[in-house]
Amino acid sequence: MVNAGKQALLLPVKKSSVSPEMKHPATTPSTNHEKRRLQVLWDYDVLDTVPEEMFDDLTELAARICEAPIALISLVDENRQWFKSKVGVTVSETSRDISFCAHAIEQEGLFIIPDATKDKRFAHNPLVTSDPKIRFYAGAPLVTPDGHALGTLCVIDKVPRELRPEQQQALRVLARHVMTQLEIRRHAGELAAAHKAREATKGELDKAHAEVAALKQELAHLKGKQNSVRPKATARSRG
């Protein structure tokens, strides 16, 4: 069971106390690259979806292997980081402007903060200076095949620490598996949408064929009536 201190670890902050000069450029979605990254993230159609076992299993493995009380699959959109999967917390998202993951997606490879109080980017972060007093963070970016980092698989602790080499490698491997699952999920959604579109098209074609058949039948009926009336009209003209 996670104690109250750990549950409070990533509680949403209603109003950030981070001053503009403290914000890192990585947290400001203004560049063309960032706009494209956001579009790619939205194309995966995963934000605000229900928990899924395959992602929860990978998050649980990350927590256990890295011996961390907190593990998250975090996806960073324009204004927040949203958790597709989480271990050790109950909240589903936090503000982007104080997010560690918003920095991690701008890095290549693992992004590790052994002690946030000694890192100028985070020393004055409200999540560090007050509850929950984050100290350790390690995040592996979730990178798409075309090179866009959608978020991270990360582990967090309230005490300064490091990851052993084998733990670092495990976090990288697990992050790749998370990205593979996101790809599979996306392709399955695209196939389902294509199948639905085909079924809808087939339905429209069947309806059109039925309407054409009905028109042909009506036309044949009218022709039959015309043929039956024509001899009578000819007989009257002769009389």
Protein backbone atom coordinates (compact mmCIF):
# COMPACT_ATOMS: atom_id res chain seq x y z
CA MET A 1 0.00 0.00 0.00
CA VAL A 2 1.31 3.46 -0.86
CA ASN A 3 1.45 5.81 2.13
CA ALA A 4 -0.04 9.32 2.13
CA GLY A 5 3.30 10.92 1.39
CA LYS A 6 3.78 8.83 -1.75
CA GLN A 7 0.20 9.37 -2.88
CA ALA A 8 0.76 13.08 -2.62
CA LEU A 9 3.90 12.82 -4.70
CA LEU A 10 2.42 14.14 -7.93
CA LEU A 11 -0.77 15.86 -6.84
CA PRO A 12 -1.94 18.43 -9.40
CA VAL A 13 -0.89 21.98 -8.71
CA LYS A 14 -3.80 24.34 -9.35
CA LYS A 15 -1.59 27.35 -9.82
CA SER A 16 2.07 27.04 -10.55
CA SER A 17 4.44 29.11 -8.46
CA VAL A 18 7.21 28.72 -11.02
CA SER A 19 8.33 32.10 -12.27
CA PRO A 20 8.77 32.63 -16.05
CA GLU A 21 12.52 32.77 -15.78
CA MET A 22 12.55 29.39 -13.99
CA LYS A 23 10.73 27.63 -16.80
CA HIS A 24 12.90 25.60 -19.12
CA PRO A 25 12.37 26.07 -22.91
CA ALA A 26 11.42 22.40 -23.09
CA THR A 27 8.14 23.19 -21.33
CA THR A 28 6.99 25.79 -23.87
CA PRO A 29 5.24 24.24 -26.93
CA SER A 30 6.00 26.95 -29.46
CA THR A 31 8.33 25.56 -32.13
CA ASN A 32 7.30 23.89 -35.37
CA HIS A 33 8.89 20.67 -34.13
CA GLU A 34 6.77 20.80 -30.99
CA LYS A 35 3.60 21.43 -33.00
CA ARG A 36 4.39 18.41 -35.14
CA ARG A 37 5.17 16.32 -32.04
CA LEU A 38 1.79 17.23 -30.56
CA GLN A 39 0.01 16.28 -33.78
CA VAL A 40 1.76 12.91 -33.78
CA LEU A 41 0.78 12.38 -30.14
CA TRP A 42 -2.87 13.13 -30.91
CA ASP A 43 -2.74 10.79 -33.90
CA TYR A 44 -2.04 7.91 -31.51
CA ASP A 45 -5.47 8.55 -29.99
CA VAL A 46 -4.36 7.39 -26.55
CA LEU A 47 -4.83 10.46 -24.32
CA ASP A 48 -7.59 10.13 -21.71
CA THR A 49 -8.18 6.44 -22.45
CA VAL A 50 -8.89 3.78 -19.84
CA PRO A 51 -6.10 1.77 -18.18
CA GLU A 52 -4.83 -1.20 -20.18
CA GLU A 53 -3.17 -4.27 -18.69
CA MET A 54 -0.28 -4.40 -21.16
CA PHE A 55 0.84 -0.90 -20.16
CA ASP A 56 0.25 -1.48 -16.43
CA ASP A 57 2.43 -4.60 -16.55
CA LEU A 58 5.34 -2.64 -18.03
CA THR A 59 4.98 0.14 -15.46
CA GLU A 60 4.94 -2.39 -12.63
CA LEU A 61 8.09 -4.00 -14.01
CA ALA A 62 9.84 -0.62 -14.16
CA ALA A 63 8.99 0.08 -10.52
CA ARG A 64 10.18 -3.31 -9.34
CA ILE A 65 13.38 -3.48 -11.38
CA CYS A 66 14.39 0.09 -10.51
CA GLU A 67 13.32 -0.36 -6.88
CA ALA A 68 11.25 2.83 -7.06
CA PRO A 69 8.01 3.63 -5.22
CA ILE A 70 6.69 5.54 -8.24
CA ALA A 71 6.60 4.56 -11.92
CA LEU A 72 4.66 6.24 -14.70
CA ILE A 73 3.95 6.10 -18.41
CA SER A 74 3.64 9.82 -18.96
CA LEU A 75 2.47 11.44 -22.20
CA VAL A 76 3.19 15.14 -22.57
CA ASP A 77 0.65 17.25 -24.42
CA GLU A 78 0.38 21.03 -24.77
CA ASN A 79 -0.49 21.90 -21.17
CA ARG A 80 -0.09 18.78 -19.06
CA GLN A 81 1.50 15.41 -18.61
CA TRP A 82 -1.10 12.65 -18.58
CA PHE A 83 -0.44 9.21 -17.14
CA LYS A 84 -1.46 6.27 -19.30
CA SER A 85 -0.28 3.99 -16.51
CA LYS A 86 0.86 4.62 -12.96
CA VAL A 87 2.23 2.84 -9.91
CA GLY A 88 2.39 4.56 -6.53
CA VAL A 89 0.10 7.50 -7.31
CA THR A 90 -3.63 7.96 -7.79
CA VAL A 91 -3.71 11.17 -9.85
CA SER A 92 -3.99 11.00 -13.63
CA GLU A 93 -2.14 14.15 -14.71
CA THR A 94 -0.13 17.18 -13.63
CA SER A 95 0.64 20.58 -15.08
CA ARG A 96 3.30 20.56 -17.80
CA ASP A 97 5.11 23.67 -16.59
CA ILE A 98 6.46 21.89 -13.51
CA SER A 99 6.80 18.49 -15.15
CA PHE A 100 10.12 16.64 -15.11
CA CYS A 101 8.97 14.62 -18.14
CA ALA A 102 8.64 17.77 -20.26
CA HIS A 103 12.42 18.12 -19.92
CA ALA A 104 13.06 14.42 -20.49
CA ILE A 105 11.42 14.40 -23.92
CA GLU A 106 13.92 17.01 -25.09
CA GLN A 107 16.86 14.74 -24.29
CA GLU A 108 18.35 11.77 -26.10
CA GLY A 109 18.49 8.65 -24.00
CA LEU A 110 17.86 8.49 -20.28
CA PHE A 111 17.20 11.71 -18.38
CA ILE A 112 18.37 11.21 -14.80
CA ILE A 113 18.22 13.65 -11.89
CA PRO A 114 20.01 12.08 -8.90
CA ASP A 115 19.10 14.96 -6.55
CA ALA A 116 16.65 17.60 -7.77
CA THR A 117 17.69 20.03 -5.02
CA LYS A 118 21.14 20.25 -6.62
CA ASP A 119 19.91 20.79 -10.18
CA LYS A 120 19.27 24.45 -11.07
CA ARG A 121 16.42 23.46 -13.41
CA PHE A 122 14.48 21.91 -10.56
CA ALA A 123 15.88 23.30 -7.31
CA HIS A 124 13.06 25.86 -7.11
CA ASN A 125 10.35 23.63 -8.55
CA PRO A 126 7.37 23.53 -6.13
CA LEU A 127 7.31 19.74 -6.33
CA VAL A 128 10.86 19.81 -4.96
CA THR A 129 10.75 22.68 -2.46
CA SER A 130 7.46 21.57 -0.87
CA ASP A 131 5.44 18.40 -0.68
CA PRO A 132 5.98 15.88 -2.14
CA LYS A 133 9.67 16.94 -2.22
CA ILE A 134 10.82 14.94 -5.22
CA ARG A 135 14.51 14.12 -5.15
CA PHE A 136 15.23 11.40 -7.72
CA TYR A 137 13.88 11.12 -11.27
CA ALA A 138 14.83 8.88 -14.20
CA GLY A 139 12.93 8.90 -17.48
CA ALA A 140 13.38 7.04 -20.76
CA PRO A 141 11.72 8.85 -23.69
CA LEU A 142 9.02 7.10 -25.71
CA VAL A 143 10.23 7.80 -29.24
CA THR A 144 8.13 7.12 -32.35
CA PRO A 145 9.66 5.54 -35.50
CA ASP A 146 9.88 9.04 -37.02
CA GLY A 147 11.75 10.44 -34.03
CA HIS A 148 9.10 12.22 -31.95
CA ALA A 149 9.23 11.79 -28.16
CA LEU A 150 5.64 11.44 -26.95
CA GLY A 151 6.46 11.12 -23.27
CA THR A 152 8.43 8.87 -20.95
CA LEU A 153 8.52 5.75 -18.91
CA CYS A 154 9.86 7.14 -15.66
CA VAL A 155 10.63 6.18 -12.08
CA ILE A 156 10.64 8.60 -9.14
CA ASP A 157 11.78 8.57 -5.52
CA LYS A 158 11.75 10.94 -2.56
CA VAL A 159 15.39 10.31 -1.68
CA PRO A 160 18.54 11.14 -3.71
CA ARG A 161 19.85 8.08 -5.50
CA GLU A 162 21.16 6.58 -8.75
CA LEU A 163 20.24 3.69 -10.99
CA ARG A 164 22.64 0.82 -11.43
CA PRO A 165 23.75 0.16 -15.03
CA GLU A 166 21.51 -2.88 -15.35
CA GLN A 167 18.55 -0.85 -14.08
CA GLN A 168 19.25 1.87 -16.62
CA GLN A 169 19.33 -0.70 -19.41
CA ALA A 170 16.11 -2.28 -18.18
CA LEU A 171 14.38 1.10 -18.19
CA ARG A 172 15.48 1.67 -21.80
CA VAL A 173 14.25 -1.76 -22.86
CA LEU A 174 10.92 -1.34 -21.11
CA ALA A 175 10.44 2.08 -22.73
CA ARG A 176 10.95 0.48 -26.15
CA HIS A 177 8.31 -2.11 -25.26
CA VAL A 178 5.91 0.66 -24.23
CA MET A 179 6.45 2.34 -27.60
CA THR A 180 5.90 -0.96 -29.39
CA GLN A 181 2.59 -1.38 -27.59
CA LEU A 182 1.58 2.15 -28.54
CA GLU A 183 2.39 1.35 -32.17
CA ILE A 184 0.37 -1.88 -32.05
CA ARG A 185 -2.52 -0.04 -30.43
CA ARG A 186 -2.42 2.67 -33.08
CA HIS A 187 -2.32 0.23 -36.00
CA ALA A 188 -5.16 -1.80 -34.51
CA GLY A 189 -7.22 1.38 -34.26
CA GLU A 190 -6.44 2.30 -37.86
CA LEU A 191 -7.43 -1.19 -39.06
CA ALA A 192 -10.65 -1.04 -37.07
CA ALA A 193 -11.45 2.39 -38.51
CA ALA A 194 -10.69 1.17 -42.04
CA HIS A 195 -12.90 -1.90 -41.54
CA LYS A 196 -15.71 0.29 -40.21
CA ALA A 197 -15.34 2.60 -43.21
CA ARG A 198 -15.46 -0.38 -45.60
CA GLU A 199 -18.57 -1.70 -43.89
CA ALA A 200 -20.20 1.72 -44.12
CA THR A 201 -19.29 1.96 -47.82
CA LYS A 202 -20.64 -1.55 -48.44
CA GLY A 203 -23.86 -0.58 -46.71
CA GLU A 204 -24.21 2.51 -48.88
CA LEU A 205 -23.52 0.46 -52.03
CA ASP A 206 -26.07 -2.17 -51.03
CA LYS A 207 -28.62 0.58 -50.42
CA ALA A 208 -27.84 2.16 -53.81
CA HIS A 209 -28.15 -1.21 -55.57
CA ALA A 210 -31.51 -1.80 -53.89
CA GLU A 211 -32.74 1.61 -54.98
CA VAL A 212 -31.60 1.01 -58.58
CA ALA A 213 -33.34 -2.38 -58.58
CA ALA A 214 -36.53 -0.77 -57.29
CA LEU A 215 -36.36 1.88 -60.00
CA LYS A 216 -35.86 -0.77 -62.68
CA GLN A 217 -38.85 -2.68 -61.38
CA GLU A 218 -40.97 0.45 -61.35
CA LEU A 219 -39.84 1.28 -64.88
CA ALA A 220 -40.73 -2.22 -66.10
CA HIS A 221 -44.15 -1.88 -64.45
CA LEU A 222 -44.76 1.46 -66.20
CA LYS A 223 -43.71 0.01 -69.56
CA GLY A 224 -46.11 -2.86 -69.04
CA LYS A 225 -48.97 -0.46 -68.37
CA GLN A 226 -48.11 1.57 -71.46
CA ASN A 227 -48.09 -1.54 -73.65
CA SER A 228 -51.49 -2.62 -72.35
CA VAL A 229 -53.06 0.78 -73.05
CA ARG A 230 -51.64 1.26 -76.58
CA PRO A 231 -53.80 -1.37 -78.48
CA LYS A 232 -57.02 0.04 -77.02
CA ALA A 233 -56.09 3.52 -78.16
CA THR A 234 -55.40 2.19 -81.69
CA ALA A 235 -58.77 0.43 -81.83
CA ARG A 236 -60.65 3.61 -80.90
CA SER A 237 -58.85 5.59 -83.61
CA ARG A 238 -59.97 3.05 -86.29
CA GLY A 239 -63.61 3.21 -85.16
